[in-house]
Amino acid sequence: FEVKMLVDAELFWSAYQDPIGQGLAWKVDGKVYG
């Protein structure tokens, strides 16, 4: 049985970031950095 699938590369990048464990802040004094 064969399944082929096409999706937007954005789907991959939306799930892709380095672990929170790196210690970088998301929010500081009401501002967002990511």
PDB file of all heavy atoms in Angstrom:
ATOM      1  N   PHE A   1       0.846  -1.201   0.000  1.00  0.00           N
ATOM      2  CA  PHE A   1       0.000   0.000   0.000  1.00  0.00           C
ATOM      3  C   PHE A   1       0.882   1.251   0.000  1.00  0.00           C
ATOM      4  O   PHE A   1       1.841   1.353   0.758  1.00  0.00           O
ATOM      5  CB  PHE A   1      -0.915  -0.012   1.221  1.00  0.00           C
ATOM      6  CG  PHE A   1      -1.866   1.155   1.312  1.00  0.00           C
ATOM      7  CD1 PHE A   1      -2.701   1.489   0.261  1.00  0.00           C
ATOM      8  CD2 PHE A   1      -1.937   1.919   2.479  1.00  0.00           C
ATOM      9  CE1 PHE A   1      -3.582   2.555   0.353  1.00  0.00           C
ATOM     10  CE2 PHE A   1      -2.819   2.973   2.583  1.00  0.00           C
ATOM     11  CZ  PHE A   1      -3.643   3.298   1.527  1.00  0.00           C
ATOM     12  N   GLU A   2       0.543   2.228  -0.854  1.00  0.00           N
ATOM     13  CA  GLU A   2       1.352   3.439  -1.013  1.00  0.00           C
ATOM     14  C   GLU A   2       0.565   4.673  -0.578  1.00  0.00           C
ATOM     15  O   GLU A   2      -0.585   4.856  -0.980  1.00  0.00           O
ATOM     16  CB  GLU A   2       1.757   3.603  -2.479  1.00  0.00           C
ATOM     17  CG  GLU A   2       2.474   4.907  -2.788  1.00  0.00           C
ATOM     18  CD  GLU A   2       2.659   5.125  -4.264  1.00  0.00           C
ATOM     19  OE1 GLU A   2       1.732   5.666  -4.926  1.00  0.00           O
ATOM     20  OE2 GLU A   2       3.728   4.735  -4.777  1.00  0.00           O
ATOM     21  N   VAL A   3       1.180   5.506   0.241  1.00  0.00           N
ATOM     22  CA  VAL A   3       0.626   6.811   0.592  1.00  0.00           C
ATOM     23  C   VAL A   3       1.693   7.865   0.338  1.00  0.00           C
ATOM     24  O   VAL A   3       2.816   7.753   0.831  1.00  0.00           O
ATOM     25  CB  VAL A   3       0.169   6.873   2.064  1.00  0.00           C
ATOM     26  CG1 VAL A   3      -0.301   8.291   2.414  1.00  0.00           C
ATOM     27  CG2 VAL A   3      -0.947   5.874   2.329  1.00  0.00           C
ATOM     28  N   LYS A   4       1.332   8.861  -0.450  1.00  0.00           N
ATOM     29  CA  LYS A   4       2.180  10.030  -0.665  1.00  0.00           C
ATOM     30  C   LYS A   4       1.424  11.256  -0.163  1.00  0.00           C
ATOM     31  O   LYS A   4       0.207  11.347  -0.347  1.00  0.00           O
ATOM     32  CB  LYS A   4       2.523  10.207  -2.145  1.00  0.00           C
ATOM     33  CG  LYS A   4       3.408   9.116  -2.725  1.00  0.00           C
ATOM     34  CD  LYS A   4       3.722   9.411  -4.189  1.00  0.00           C
ATOM     35  CE  LYS A   4       4.651   8.363  -4.774  1.00  0.00           C
ATOM     36  NZ  LYS A   4       4.969   8.663  -6.206  1.00  0.00           N
ATOM     37  N   MET A   5       2.158  12.192   0.435  1.00  0.00           N
ATOM     38  CA  MET A   5       1.493  13.356   1.002  1.00  0.00           C
ATOM     39  C   MET A   5       2.313  14.615   0.769  1.00  0.00           C
ATOM     40  O   MET A   5       3.529  14.624   0.941  1.00  0.00           O
ATOM     41  CB  MET A   5       1.255  13.171   2.501  1.00  0.00           C
ATOM     42  CG  MET A   5       0.435  14.276   3.114  1.00  0.00           C
ATOM     43  SD  MET A   5      -0.071  13.931   4.807  1.00  0.00           S
ATOM     44  CE  MET A   5      -1.099  15.381   5.099  1.00  0.00           C
ATOM     45  N   LEU A   6       1.612  15.688   0.381  1.00  0.00           N
ATOM     46  CA  LEU A   6       2.191  17.010   0.196  1.00  0.00           C
ATOM     47  C   LEU A   6       1.618  17.970   1.220  1.00  0.00           C
ATOM     48  O   LEU A   6       0.386  18.050   1.388  1.00  0.00           O
ATOM     49  CB  LEU A   6       1.878  17.544  -1.207  1.00  0.00           C
ATOM     50  CG  LEU A   6       2.648  16.951  -2.380  1.00  0.00           C
ATOM     51  CD1 LEU A   6       1.992  17.370  -3.688  1.00  0.00           C
ATOM     52  CD2 LEU A   6       4.103  17.392  -2.347  1.00  0.00           C
ATOM     53  N   VAL A   7       2.491  18.714   1.902  1.00  0.00           N
ATOM     54  CA  VAL A   7       2.047  19.741   2.846  1.00  0.00           C
ATOM     55  C   VAL A   7       2.930  20.975   2.665  1.00  0.00           C
ATOM     56  O   VAL A   7       3.982  20.929   2.021  1.00  0.00           O
ATOM     57  CB  VAL A   7       2.125  19.261   4.315  1.00  0.00           C
ATOM     58  CG1 VAL A   7       1.179  18.093   4.557  1.00  0.00           C
ATOM     59  CG2 VAL A   7       3.545  18.889   4.697  1.00  0.00           C
ATOM     60  N   ASP A   8       2.513  22.067   3.263  1.00  0.00           N
ATOM     61  CA  ASP A   8       3.269  23.313   3.222  1.00  0.00           C
ATOM     62  C   ASP A   8       4.478  23.202   4.141  1.00  0.00           C
ATOM     63  O   ASP A   8       4.373  22.706   5.270  1.00  0.00           O
ATOM     64  CB  ASP A   8       2.365  24.464   3.681  1.00  0.00           C
ATOM     65  CG  ASP A   8       2.887  25.832   3.293  1.00  0.00           C
ATOM     66  OD1 ASP A   8       4.111  26.041   3.365  1.00  0.00           O
ATOM     67  OD2 ASP A   8       2.071  26.698   2.938  1.00  0.00           O
ATOM     68  N   ALA A   9       5.639  23.680   3.681  1.00  0.00           N
ATOM     69  CA  ALA A   9       6.828  23.678   4.534  1.00  0.00           C
ATOM     70  C   ALA A   9       6.619  24.480   5.805  1.00  0.00           C
ATOM     71  O   ALA A   9       7.279  24.233   6.820  1.00  0.00           O
ATOM     72  CB  ALA A   9       8.024  24.233   3.760  1.00  0.00           C
ATOM     73  N   GLU A  10       5.683  25.430   5.771  1.00  0.00           N
ATOM     74  CA  GLU A  10       5.382  26.198   6.978  1.00  0.00           C
ATOM     75  C   GLU A  10       4.931  25.291   8.119  1.00  0.00           C
ATOM     76  O   GLU A  10       5.165  25.581   9.289  1.00  0.00           O
ATOM     77  CB  GLU A  10       4.303  27.251   6.691  1.00  0.00           C
ATOM     78  CG  GLU A  10       4.005  28.139   7.891  1.00  0.00           C
ATOM     79  CD  GLU A  10       2.866  29.106   7.635  1.00  0.00           C
ATOM     80  OE1 GLU A  10       2.346  29.162   6.506  1.00  0.00           O
ATOM     81  OE2 GLU A  10       2.482  29.808   8.585  1.00  0.00           O
ATOM     82  N   LEU A  11       4.259  24.190   7.776  1.00  0.00           N
ATOM     83  CA  LEU A  11       3.840  23.245   8.802  1.00  0.00           C
ATOM     84  C   LEU A  11       5.042  22.726   9.578  1.00  0.00           C
ATOM     85  O   LEU A  11       5.000  22.587  10.803  1.00  0.00           O
ATOM     86  CB  LEU A  11       3.081  22.080   8.152  1.00  0.00           C
ATOM     87  CG  LEU A  11       2.646  20.942   9.074  1.00  0.00           C
ATOM     88  CD1 LEU A  11       1.696  21.432  10.146  1.00  0.00           C
ATOM     89  CD2 LEU A  11       2.008  19.817   8.265  1.00  0.00           C
ATOM     90  N   PHE A  12       6.128  22.438   8.885  1.00  0.00           N
ATOM     91  CA  PHE A  12       7.338  21.971   9.559  1.00  0.00           C
ATOM     92  C   PHE A  12       7.936  23.072  10.419  1.00  0.00           C
ATOM     93  O   PHE A  12       8.270  22.862  11.587  1.00  0.00           O
ATOM     94  CB  PHE A  12       8.365  21.496   8.533  1.00  0.00           C
ATOM     95  CG  PHE A  12       9.650  21.022   9.146  1.00  0.00           C
ATOM     96  CD1 PHE A  12       9.761  19.738   9.646  1.00  0.00           C
ATOM     97  CD2 PHE A  12      10.746  21.866   9.252  1.00  0.00           C
ATOM     98  CE1 PHE A  12      10.941  19.294  10.227  1.00  0.00           C
ATOM     99  CE2 PHE A  12      11.929  21.442   9.827  1.00  0.00           C
ATOM    100  CZ  PHE A  12      12.027  20.154  10.322  1.00  0.00           C
ATOM    101  N   TRP A  13       8.072  24.264   9.868  1.00  0.00           N
ATOM    102  CA  TRP A  13       8.747  25.335  10.610  1.00  0.00           C
ATOM    103  C   TRP A  13       7.929  25.833  11.788  1.00  0.00           C
ATOM    104  O   TRP A  13       8.493  26.336  12.764  1.00  0.00           O
ATOM    105  CB  TRP A  13       9.092  26.491   9.672  1.00  0.00           C
ATOM    106  CG  TRP A  13      10.070  26.105   8.614  1.00  0.00           C
ATOM    107  CD1 TRP A  13       9.869  26.116   7.265  1.00  0.00           C
ATOM    108  CD2 TRP A  13      11.391  25.605   8.807  1.00  0.00           C
ATOM    109  NE1 TRP A  13      10.984  25.654   6.597  1.00  0.00           N
ATOM    110  CE2 TRP A  13      11.932  25.343   7.523  1.00  0.00           C
ATOM    111  CE3 TRP A  13      12.183  25.347   9.934  1.00  0.00           C
ATOM    112  CZ2 TRP A  13      13.218  24.843   7.344  1.00  0.00           C
ATOM    113  CZ3 TRP A  13      13.460  24.859   9.748  1.00  0.00           C
ATOM    114  CH2 TRP A  13      13.972  24.613   8.480  1.00  0.00           C
ATOM    115  N   SER A  14       6.622  25.692  11.742  1.00  0.00           N
ATOM    116  CA  SER A  14       5.806  26.114  12.883  1.00  0.00           C
ATOM    117  C   SER A  14       6.083  25.244  14.106  1.00  0.00           C
ATOM    118  O   SER A  14       5.857  25.662  15.243  1.00  0.00           O
ATOM    119  CB  SER A  14       4.316  26.035  12.538  1.00  0.00           C
ATOM    120  OG  SER A  14       3.896  24.690  12.385  1.00  0.00           O
ATOM    121  N   ALA A  15       6.578  24.044  13.876  1.00  0.00           N
ATOM    122  CA  ALA A  15       6.875  23.130  14.981  1.00  0.00           C
ATOM    123  C   ALA A  15       8.351  23.156  15.356  1.00  0.00           C
ATOM    124  O   ALA A  15       8.777  22.412  16.230  1.00  0.00           O
ATOM    125  CB  ALA A  15       6.492  21.710  14.585  1.00  0.00           C
ATOM    126  N   TYR A  16       9.119  24.011  14.697  1.00  0.00           N
ATOM    127  CA  TYR A  16      10.569  23.906  14.799  1.00  0.00           C
ATOM    128  C   TYR A  16      11.152  25.077  15.587  1.00  0.00           C
ATOM    129  O   TYR A  16      11.103  26.215  15.157  1.00  0.00           O
ATOM    130  CB  TYR A  16      11.173  23.890  13.403  1.00  0.00           C
ATOM    131  CG  TYR A  16      12.622  23.489  13.379  1.00  0.00           C
ATOM    132  CD1 TYR A  16      12.982  22.156  13.521  1.00  0.00           C
ATOM    133  CD2 TYR A  16      13.624  24.433  13.236  1.00  0.00           C
ATOM    134  CE1 TYR A  16      14.307  21.779  13.501  1.00  0.00           C
ATOM    135  CE2 TYR A  16      14.955  24.058  13.216  1.00  0.00           C
ATOM    136  CZ  TYR A  16      15.289  22.734  13.355  1.00  0.00           C
ATOM    137  OH  TYR A  16      16.605  22.361  13.340  1.00  0.00           O
ATOM    138  N   GLN A  17      11.680  24.797  16.721  1.00  0.00           N
ATOM    139  CA  GLN A  17      12.446  25.782  17.472  1.00  0.00           C
ATOM    140  C   GLN A  17      13.260  25.055  18.522  1.00  0.00           C
ATOM    141  O   GLN A  17      12.979  23.919  18.872  1.00  0.00           O
ATOM    142  CB  GLN A  17      11.549  26.839  18.099  1.00  0.00           C
ATOM    143  CG  GLN A  17      10.430  26.307  18.955  1.00  0.00           C
ATOM    144  CD  GLN A  17       9.449  27.412  19.284  1.00  0.00           C
ATOM    145  OE1 GLN A  17       9.483  28.490  18.721  1.00  0.00           O
ATOM    146  NE2 GLN A  17       8.572  27.154  20.218  1.00  0.00           N
ATOM    147  N   ASP A  18      14.266  25.717  18.992  1.00  0.00           N
ATOM    148  CA  ASP A  18      15.150  25.089  19.962  1.00  0.00           C
ATOM    149  C   ASP A  18      14.478  24.997  21.326  1.00  0.00           C
ATOM    150  O   ASP A  18      13.558  25.762  21.635  1.00  0.00           O
ATOM    151  CB  ASP A  18      16.456  25.872  20.057  1.00  0.00           C
ATOM    152  CG  ASP A  18      17.268  25.732  18.780  1.00  0.00           C
ATOM    153  OD1 ASP A  18      17.281  24.620  18.225  1.00  0.00           O
ATOM    154  OD2 ASP A  18      17.842  26.725  18.332  1.00  0.00           O
ATOM    155  N   PRO A  19      14.908  24.075  22.154  1.00  0.00           N
ATOM    156  CA  PRO A  19      14.215  23.844  23.425  1.00  0.00           C
ATOM    157  C   PRO A  19      14.201  25.060  24.338  1.00  0.00           C
ATOM    158  O   PRO A  19      15.137  25.867  24.359  1.00  0.00           O
ATOM    159  CB  PRO A  19      15.024  22.707  24.060  1.00  0.00           C
ATOM    160  CG  PRO A  19      15.732  22.060  22.924  1.00  0.00           C
ATOM    161  CD  PRO A  19      16.005  23.142  21.937  1.00  0.00           C
ATOM    162  N   ILE A  20      13.113  25.178  25.103  1.00  0.00           N
ATOM    163  CA  ILE A  20      13.009  26.256  26.079  1.00  0.00           C
ATOM    164  C   ILE A  20      14.152  26.167  27.082  1.00  0.00           C
ATOM    165  O   ILE A  20      14.588  27.163  27.642  1.00  0.00           O
ATOM    166  CB  ILE A  20      11.647  26.189  26.806  1.00  0.00           C
ATOM    167  CG1 ILE A  20      10.525  26.417  25.789  1.00  0.00           C
ATOM    168  CG2 ILE A  20      11.555  27.207  27.928  1.00  0.00           C
ATOM    169  CD1 ILE A  20       9.140  26.252  26.367  1.00  0.00           C
ATOM    170  N   GLY A  21      14.696  24.957  27.258  1.00  0.00           N
ATOM    171  CA  GLY A  21      15.761  24.737  28.229  1.00  0.00           C
ATOM    172  C   GLY A  21      17.008  25.567  27.986  1.00  0.00           C
ATOM    173  O   GLY A  21      17.897  25.620  28.832  1.00  0.00           O
ATOM    174  N   GLN A  22      17.124  26.208  26.812  1.00  0.00           N
ATOM    175  CA  GLN A  22      18.267  27.087  26.590  1.00  0.00           C
ATOM    176  C   GLN A  22      18.240  28.293  27.524  1.00  0.00           C
ATOM    177  O   GLN A  22      19.222  29.010  27.650  1.00  0.00           O
ATOM    178  CB  GLN A  22      18.280  27.583  25.142  1.00  0.00           C
ATOM    179  CG  GLN A  22      18.735  26.526  24.153  1.00  0.00           C
ATOM    180  CD  GLN A  22      19.082  27.151  22.816  1.00  0.00           C
ATOM    181  OE1 GLN A  22      18.677  28.260  22.514  1.00  0.00           O
ATOM    182  NE2 GLN A  22      19.826  26.422  22.000  1.00  0.00           N
ATOM    183  N   GLY A  23      17.098  28.548  28.136  1.00  0.00           N
ATOM    184  CA  GLY A  23      17.017  29.616  29.119  1.00  0.00           C
ATOM    185  C   GLY A  23      16.753  30.987  28.540  1.00  0.00           C
ATOM    186  O   GLY A  23      16.929  32.000  29.217  1.00  0.00           O
ATOM    187  N   LEU A  24      16.299  31.056  27.293  1.00  0.00           N
ATOM    188  CA  LEU A  24      16.015  32.356  26.702  1.00  0.00           C
ATOM    189  C   LEU A  24      14.597  32.780  27.058  1.00  0.00           C
ATOM    190  O   LEU A  24      13.661  31.985  26.994  1.00  0.00           O
ATOM    191  CB  LEU A  24      16.183  32.305  25.183  1.00  0.00           C
ATOM    192  CG  LEU A  24      17.573  31.894  24.695  1.00  0.00           C
ATOM    193  CD1 LEU A  24      17.618  31.959  23.177  1.00  0.00           C
ATOM    194  CD2 LEU A  24      18.652  32.763  25.297  1.00  0.00           C
ATOM    195  N   ALA A  25      14.443  34.034  27.408  1.00  0.00           N
ATOM    196  CA  ALA A  25      13.141  34.523  27.872  1.00  0.00           C
ATOM    197  C   ALA A  25      12.185  34.732  26.702  1.00  0.00           C
ATOM    198  O   ALA A  25      12.575  35.210  25.640  1.00  0.00           O
ATOM    199  CB  ALA A  25      13.326  35.830  28.632  1.00  0.00           C
ATOM    200  N   TRP A  26      10.923  34.399  26.929  1.00  0.00           N
ATOM    201  CA  TRP A  26       9.865  34.689  25.971  1.00  0.00           C
ATOM    202  C   TRP A  26       9.313  36.092  26.200  1.00  0.00           C
ATOM    203  O   TRP A  26       9.093  36.842  25.280  1.00  0.00           O
ATOM    204  CB  TRP A  26       8.721  33.689  26.138  1.00  0.00           C
ATOM    205  CG  TRP A  26       8.929  32.361  25.502  1.00  0.00           C
ATOM    206  CD1 TRP A  26       9.853  31.428  25.838  1.00  0.00           C
ATOM    207  CD2 TRP A  26       8.184  31.806  24.434  1.00  0.00           C
ATOM    208  NE1 TRP A  26       9.737  30.326  25.064  1.00  0.00           N
ATOM    209  CE2 TRP A  26       8.701  30.524  24.184  1.00  0.00           C
ATOM    210  CE3 TRP A  26       7.112  32.240  23.672  1.00  0.00           C
ATOM    211  CZ2 TRP A  26       8.199  29.689  23.190  1.00  0.00           C
ATOM    212  CZ3 TRP A  26       6.602  31.417  22.697  1.00  0.00           C
ATOM    213  CH2 TRP A  26       7.151  30.163  22.451  1.00  0.00           C
ATOM    214  N   LYS A  27       9.037  36.400  27.445  1.00  0.00           N
ATOM    215  CA  LYS A  27       8.387  37.661  27.781  1.00  0.00           C
ATOM    216  C   LYS A  27       9.196  38.380  28.852  1.00  0.00           C
ATOM    217  O   LYS A  27       9.616  37.773  29.833  1.00  0.00           O
ATOM    218  CB  LYS A  27       6.963  37.414  28.296  1.00  0.00           C
ATOM    219  CG  LYS A  27       6.059  36.680  27.319  1.00  0.00           C
ATOM    220  CD  LYS A  27       4.716  36.375  27.964  1.00  0.00           C
ATOM    221  CE  LYS A  27       3.854  35.527  27.034  1.00  0.00           C
ATOM    222  NZ  LYS A  27       2.563  35.165  27.686  1.00  0.00           N
ATOM    223  N   VAL A  28       9.365  39.687  28.671  1.00  0.00           N
ATOM    224  CA  VAL A  28      10.067  40.514  29.649  1.00  0.00           C
ATOM    225  C   VAL A  28       9.316  41.829  29.783  1.00  0.00           C
ATOM    226  O   VAL A  28       9.143  42.547  28.784  1.00  0.00           O
ATOM    227  CB  VAL A  28      11.526  40.785  29.227  1.00  0.00           C
ATOM    228  CG1 VAL A  28      12.230  41.652  30.276  1.00  0.00           C
ATOM    229  CG2 VAL A  28      12.281  39.483  29.020  1.00  0.00           C
ATOM    230  N   ASP A  29       8.866  42.116  31.002  1.00  0.00           N
ATOM    231  CA  ASP A  29       8.185  43.382  31.282  1.00  0.00           C
ATOM    232  C   ASP A  29       7.084  43.686  30.266  1.00  0.00           C
ATOM    233  O   ASP A  29       6.975  44.784  29.721  1.00  0.00           O
ATOM    234  CB  ASP A  29       9.194  44.539  31.304  1.00  0.00           C
ATOM    235  CG  ASP A  29      10.156  44.447  32.479  1.00  0.00           C
ATOM    236  OD1 ASP A  29       9.837  43.709  33.432  1.00  0.00           O
ATOM    237  OD2 ASP A  29      11.212  45.100  32.438  1.00  0.00           O
ATOM    238  N   GLY A  30       6.275  42.683  29.986  1.00  0.00           N
ATOM    239  CA  GLY A  30       5.115  42.886  29.121  1.00  0.00           C
ATOM    240  C   GLY A  30       5.405  42.874  27.638  1.00  0.00           C
ATOM    241  O   GLY A  30       4.507  43.137  26.830  1.00  0.00           O
ATOM    242  N   LYS A  31       6.650  42.558  27.246  1.00  0.00           N
ATOM    243  CA  LYS A  31       6.981  42.461  25.827  1.00  0.00           C
ATOM    244  C   LYS A  31       7.397  41.036  25.482  1.00  0.00           C
ATOM    245  O   LYS A  31       7.902  40.305  26.327  1.00  0.00           O
ATOM    246  CB  LYS A  31       8.093  43.448  25.457  1.00  0.00           C
ATOM    247  CG  LYS A  31       7.641  44.904  25.496  1.00  0.00           C
ATOM    248  CD  LYS A  31       8.693  45.826  24.896  1.00  0.00           C
ATOM    249  CE  LYS A  31       8.187  47.256  24.834  1.00  0.00           C
ATOM    250  NZ  LYS A  31       9.188  48.174  24.216  1.00  0.00           N
ATOM    251  N   VAL A  32       7.205  40.683  24.218  1.00  0.00           N
ATOM    252  CA  VAL A  32       7.438  39.318  23.744  1.00  0.00           C
ATOM    253  C   VAL A  32       8.710  39.292  22.902  1.00  0.00           C
ATOM    254  O   VAL A  32       8.946  40.178  22.081  1.00  0.00           O
ATOM    255  CB  VAL A  32       6.243  38.832  22.907  1.00  0.00           C
ATOM    256  CG1 VAL A  32       6.507  37.448  22.326  1.00  0.00           C
ATOM    257  CG2 VAL A  32       4.975  38.830  23.742  1.00  0.00           C
ATOM    258  N   TYR A  33       9.528  38.260  23.099  1.00  0.00           N
ATOM    259  CA  TYR A  33      10.762  38.133  22.328  1.00  0.00           C
ATOM    260  C   TYR A  33      10.861  36.794  21.601  1.00  0.00           C
ATOM    261  O   TYR A  33      11.322  36.729  20.475  1.00  0.00           O
ATOM    262  CB  TYR A  33      11.975  38.355  23.240  1.00  0.00           C
ATOM    263  CG  TYR A  33      11.992  39.772  23.761  1.00  0.00           C
ATOM    264  CD1 TYR A  33      11.450  40.089  25.000  1.00  0.00           C
ATOM    265  CD2 TYR A  33      12.500  40.799  22.982  1.00  0.00           C
ATOM    266  CE1 TYR A  33      11.435  41.395  25.456  1.00  0.00           C
ATOM    267  CE2 TYR A  33      12.489  42.106  23.423  1.00  0.00           C
ATOM    268  CZ  TYR A  33      11.951  42.410  24.665  1.00  0.00           C
ATOM    269  OH  TYR A  33      11.926  43.703  25.104  1.00  0.00           O
ATOM    270  N   GLY A  34      10.446  35.703  22.209  1.00  0.00           N
ATOM    271  CA  GLY A  34      10.446  34.431  21.503  1.00  0.00           C
ATOM    272  C   GLY A  34      11.716  33.641  21.671  1.00  0.00           C
ATOM    273  O   GLY A  34      12.780  34.169  21.977  1.00  0.00           O
TER     274      GLY A  34
END
